[in-house]
Amino acid sequence: MNPSPKKIALIIVDLQNDFLSPEGAYARGGTASVAARELPGRVAGVARAVKAGGGLVAASQFTLWPDARGEPMISPHLLALRPFLRRGDFAPGSAGQANVAELQPLIDVSVCKVAYSAFFNTQLDWVLRHAGIDTVAVCGIVTNGGVASTVRDAHMREYHTIVLSDGCAAFKPEVHATALADMGTLAQVMRCEEFIESLP
C-alpha cells in the first residue's frame, strides 16, 4: 500500500456512547460488548497517524430520528433484535448518539446514519470525493454489521479498502473472525499497528 497520505481516510463506524458507555442504551439492555469497549484507545492511535499525514478521519453515528410525537423511528428488524431501545436512545444531538470522548477531538467529519452502512443515505461519499480520498481504512462496530456493510459499499464505490482487524469488534469472537475472512475477498485486512507502519 503506497497511496499519498493525504488521500487516506479512516472511517470509524459507530463508536458512540449509547453502544459503548456503561450508561449507554446497550449497557442498559445488557448487550454491551466488552471487546468493543477496548477499541477507542487503539483506534485513536490510528486516527492520530492518519491526521499526521494530512489524511481525513470520518465517523458514522447511528441515529434514531424522532417522529412527530418524539418517539424513535426504529425499523422492525432492529426493534426485534433490540427491544430495549426507547425514546432518547441514539437521538440526534444527544450524549448517547455522540462519538466517544476519546475520539471526538480526532474526528474531522461525522455523518448520521440510519442503517448498517456509513454510506447509505449519508454524505460520506461526497465528503471523501471532495477531499480527494482514494483509500479508506474501516474500523468500529460491529464487524459483521456496520463495518462489513461499509466495507462493501466502499468497494463498490471503487475506493481502495482496508479493514483494521483489531480495530473492529463483534458480539461473538467467531462471528468477528468469519466476517474478517469474508471481507478479505474484497478488502485488505490489516492490524492497526501494521496499518500505521505502512503509512507513507
Protein backbone atom coordinates (compact mmCIF):
# COMPACT_ATOMS: atom_id res chain seq x y z
CA MET A 1 0.00 0.00 0.00
CA ASN A 2 1.62 3.25 -1.13
CA PRO A 3 -1.13 5.88 -1.52
CA SER A 4 -0.49 9.52 -0.81
CA PRO A 5 -1.10 10.10 2.92
CA LYS A 6 -3.42 12.98 2.05
CA LYS A 7 -5.64 10.61 0.07
CA ILE A 8 -6.28 8.27 3.01
CA ALA A 9 -9.36 8.40 5.24
CA LEU A 10 -10.06 6.48 8.41
CA ILE A 11 -13.76 5.62 8.71
CA ILE A 12 -14.83 4.94 12.30
CA VAL A 13 -18.14 3.10 12.38
CA ASP A 14 -20.46 3.78 15.33
CA LEU A 15 -18.06 4.12 18.27
CA GLN A 16 -20.74 6.01 20.19
CA ASN A 17 -21.70 6.34 23.83
CA ASP A 18 -25.03 4.52 23.52
CA PHE A 19 -23.12 1.49 22.23
CA LEU A 20 -20.05 1.63 24.48
CA SER A 21 -20.67 3.64 27.63
CA PRO A 22 -21.62 1.89 30.90
CA GLU A 23 -24.50 4.40 31.00
CA GLY A 24 -25.48 3.85 27.36
CA ALA A 25 -28.51 2.18 25.83
CA TYR A 26 -26.77 -1.12 25.08
CA ALA A 27 -25.37 -1.44 28.61
CA ARG A 28 -28.87 -0.79 29.96
CA GLY A 29 -30.18 -3.53 27.70
CA GLY A 30 -27.48 -5.97 28.79
CA THR A 31 -25.92 -6.23 25.32
CA ALA A 32 -22.77 -4.13 25.64
CA SER A 33 -19.67 -5.65 24.06
CA VAL A 34 -16.53 -5.87 26.20
CA ALA A 35 -14.40 -6.20 23.06
CA ALA A 36 -15.94 -3.04 21.60
CA ARG A 37 -15.11 -1.02 24.71
CA GLU A 38 -11.43 -1.73 24.09
CA LEU A 39 -11.49 -0.20 20.61
CA PRO A 40 -11.35 3.60 21.17
CA GLY A 41 -7.79 3.64 22.53
CA ARG A 42 -6.48 1.54 19.64
CA VAL A 43 -8.45 3.46 17.03
CA ALA A 44 -7.28 6.80 18.45
CA GLY A 45 -3.69 5.84 17.64
CA VAL A 46 -4.65 5.14 14.04
CA ALA A 47 -6.57 8.41 13.80
CA ARG A 48 -3.58 10.39 15.05
CA ALA A 49 -1.32 8.70 12.49
CA VAL A 50 -3.72 9.39 9.62
CA LYS A 51 -4.10 13.05 10.63
CA ALA A 52 -0.31 13.44 10.98
CA GLY A 53 -0.03 12.58 7.29
CA GLY A 54 -2.73 15.04 6.28
CA GLY A 55 -5.46 12.43 5.87
CA LEU A 56 -9.09 12.62 6.95
CA VAL A 57 -10.85 11.00 9.91
CA ALA A 58 -14.56 10.41 9.39
CA ALA A 59 -17.07 8.82 11.76
CA SER A 60 -20.57 7.48 11.38
CA GLN A 61 -23.16 7.91 14.10
CA PHE A 62 -26.07 5.53 14.19
CA THR A 63 -29.12 7.74 14.76
CA LEU A 64 -32.73 7.09 15.73
CA TRP A 65 -34.64 10.08 14.44
CA PRO A 66 -37.75 11.02 16.42
CA ASP A 67 -41.18 11.16 14.82
CA ALA A 68 -43.71 13.98 15.33
CA ARG A 69 -44.50 12.62 18.81
CA GLY A 70 -40.85 12.35 19.79
CA GLU A 71 -40.78 8.56 19.54
CA PRO A 72 -37.74 6.99 17.84
CA MET A 73 -38.32 5.69 14.35
CA ILE A 74 -36.89 2.17 14.66
CA SER A 75 -37.00 -0.39 11.87
CA PRO A 76 -38.97 -3.53 12.77
CA HIS A 77 -35.83 -5.61 12.22
CA LEU A 78 -33.82 -3.60 14.76
CA LEU A 79 -36.64 -3.42 17.27
CA ALA A 80 -36.97 -7.21 17.19
CA LEU A 81 -33.25 -7.55 17.89
CA ARG A 82 -33.03 -4.74 20.45
CA PRO A 83 -36.45 -4.37 22.14
CA PHE A 84 -34.89 -2.30 24.95
CA LEU A 85 -34.37 0.74 22.71
CA ARG A 86 -36.55 3.63 23.81
CA ARG A 87 -37.20 7.35 23.47
CA GLY A 88 -33.94 9.33 23.65
CA ASP A 89 -31.61 6.48 22.67
CA PHE A 90 -29.31 7.46 19.80
CA ALA A 91 -31.33 10.68 19.44
CA PRO A 92 -29.67 13.33 17.25
CA GLY A 93 -27.54 15.66 19.36
CA SER A 94 -27.84 13.52 22.48
CA ALA A 95 -24.97 12.37 24.68
CA GLY A 96 -25.72 8.77 23.70
CA GLN A 97 -25.53 9.46 19.98
CA ALA A 98 -22.19 11.27 20.37
CA ASN A 99 -18.88 9.69 19.43
CA VAL A 100 -16.95 8.50 22.49
CA ALA A 101 -14.95 11.28 24.14
CA GLU A 102 -11.57 9.72 23.38
CA LEU A 103 -12.19 10.03 19.65
CA GLN A 104 -14.15 13.27 19.41
CA PRO A 105 -11.11 15.62 19.11
CA LEU A 106 -9.68 13.49 16.30
CA ILE A 107 -12.76 13.33 14.06
CA ASP A 108 -12.90 15.73 11.11
CA VAL A 109 -16.34 14.79 9.78
CA SER A 110 -19.30 12.93 11.30
CA VAL A 111 -22.30 11.64 9.37
CA CYS A 112 -25.59 10.41 10.79
CA LYS A 113 -26.72 7.03 9.50
CA VAL A 114 -29.96 5.09 9.82
CA ALA A 115 -28.84 1.67 8.54
CA TYR A 116 -25.76 -0.53 8.62
CA SER A 117 -23.56 1.19 6.04
CA ALA A 118 -21.92 4.54 6.71
CA PHE A 119 -22.53 5.33 3.03
CA PHE A 120 -26.27 4.61 2.89
CA ASN A 121 -28.28 7.87 2.70
CA THR A 122 -25.37 9.91 4.11
CA GLN A 123 -22.98 12.49 2.62
CA LEU A 124 -19.89 10.40 3.34
CA ASP A 125 -19.09 9.60 -0.30
CA TRP A 126 -19.49 13.27 -1.27
CA VAL A 127 -17.12 14.33 1.51
CA LEU A 128 -14.49 11.73 0.65
CA ARG A 129 -14.58 12.55 -3.06
CA HIS A 130 -14.26 16.28 -2.47
CA ALA A 131 -11.40 15.68 -0.04
CA GLY A 132 -9.56 13.74 -2.75
CA ILE A 133 -9.68 10.44 -0.86
CA ASP A 134 -8.98 7.22 -2.75
CA THR A 135 -8.12 4.87 0.13
CA VAL A 136 -10.25 4.13 3.19
CA ALA A 137 -9.42 2.16 6.32
CA VAL A 138 -12.55 0.99 8.13
CA CYS A 139 -12.90 0.15 11.82
CA GLY A 140 -15.58 0.14 14.52
CA ILE A 141 -18.65 -1.96 15.30
CA VAL A 142 -19.94 -4.39 14.57
CA THR A 143 -17.59 -6.37 12.35
CA ASN A 144 -20.35 -8.34 10.64
CA GLY A 145 -22.83 -5.43 10.55
CA GLY A 146 -21.89 -1.77 10.19
CA VAL A 147 -18.25 -2.47 9.35
CA ALA A 148 -18.94 -5.15 6.74
CA SER A 149 -21.69 -3.11 5.07
CA THR A 150 -19.48 -0.01 4.95
CA VAL A 151 -16.58 -2.02 3.52
CA ARG A 152 -18.76 -3.47 0.77
CA ASP A 153 -20.15 -0.05 -0.11
CA ALA A 154 -16.64 1.44 -0.21
CA HIS A 155 -15.51 -1.37 -2.50
CA MET A 156 -18.49 -0.81 -4.81
CA ARG A 157 -17.53 2.87 -4.99
CA GLU A 158 -14.01 1.85 -6.07
CA TYR A 159 -12.09 3.05 -3.04
CA HIS A 160 -9.03 1.02 -2.13
CA THR A 161 -10.46 -0.52 1.04
CA ILE A 162 -8.68 -1.72 4.17
CA VAL A 163 -10.24 -3.38 7.22
CA LEU A 164 -8.47 -2.88 10.53
CA SER A 165 -8.93 -6.32 12.07
CA ASP A 166 -8.16 -5.39 15.68
CA GLY A 167 -9.93 -2.06 15.25
CA CYS A 168 -13.26 -3.89 14.91
CA ALA A 169 -15.37 -5.98 17.25
CA ALA A 170 -18.47 -8.14 17.14
CA PHE A 171 -20.63 -9.66 19.86
CA LYS A 172 -19.01 -13.09 19.38
CA PRO A 173 -15.33 -13.78 18.53
CA GLU A 174 -16.24 -16.45 15.98
CA VAL A 175 -18.58 -14.06 14.18
CA HIS A 176 -15.81 -11.42 14.13
CA ALA A 177 -13.36 -13.93 12.62
CA THR A 178 -15.83 -15.13 9.99
CA ALA A 179 -16.68 -11.57 8.96
CA LEU A 180 -13.00 -10.66 8.58
CA ALA A 181 -12.39 -13.73 6.42
CA ASP A 182 -15.36 -12.81 4.25
CA MET A 183 -14.26 -9.20 3.83
CA GLY A 184 -10.79 -10.40 2.87
CA THR A 185 -12.17 -11.29 -0.56
CA LEU A 186 -12.71 -7.61 -1.42
CA ALA A 187 -10.57 -5.62 1.01
CA GLN A 188 -7.11 -5.70 2.52
CA VAL A 189 -7.20 -6.90 6.13
CA MET A 190 -4.52 -5.44 8.43
CA ARG A 191 -3.92 -4.94 12.13
CA CYS A 192 -3.90 -1.34 13.38
CA GLU A 193 -0.15 -1.30 14.08
CA GLU A 194 0.58 -2.84 10.70
CA PHE A 195 -1.52 -0.14 9.02
CA ILE A 196 0.23 2.65 10.92
CA GLU A 197 3.63 1.27 9.94
CA SER A 198 2.55 1.11 6.29
CA LEU A 199 1.65 4.80 6.11
CA PRO A 200 3.97 6.86 3.90
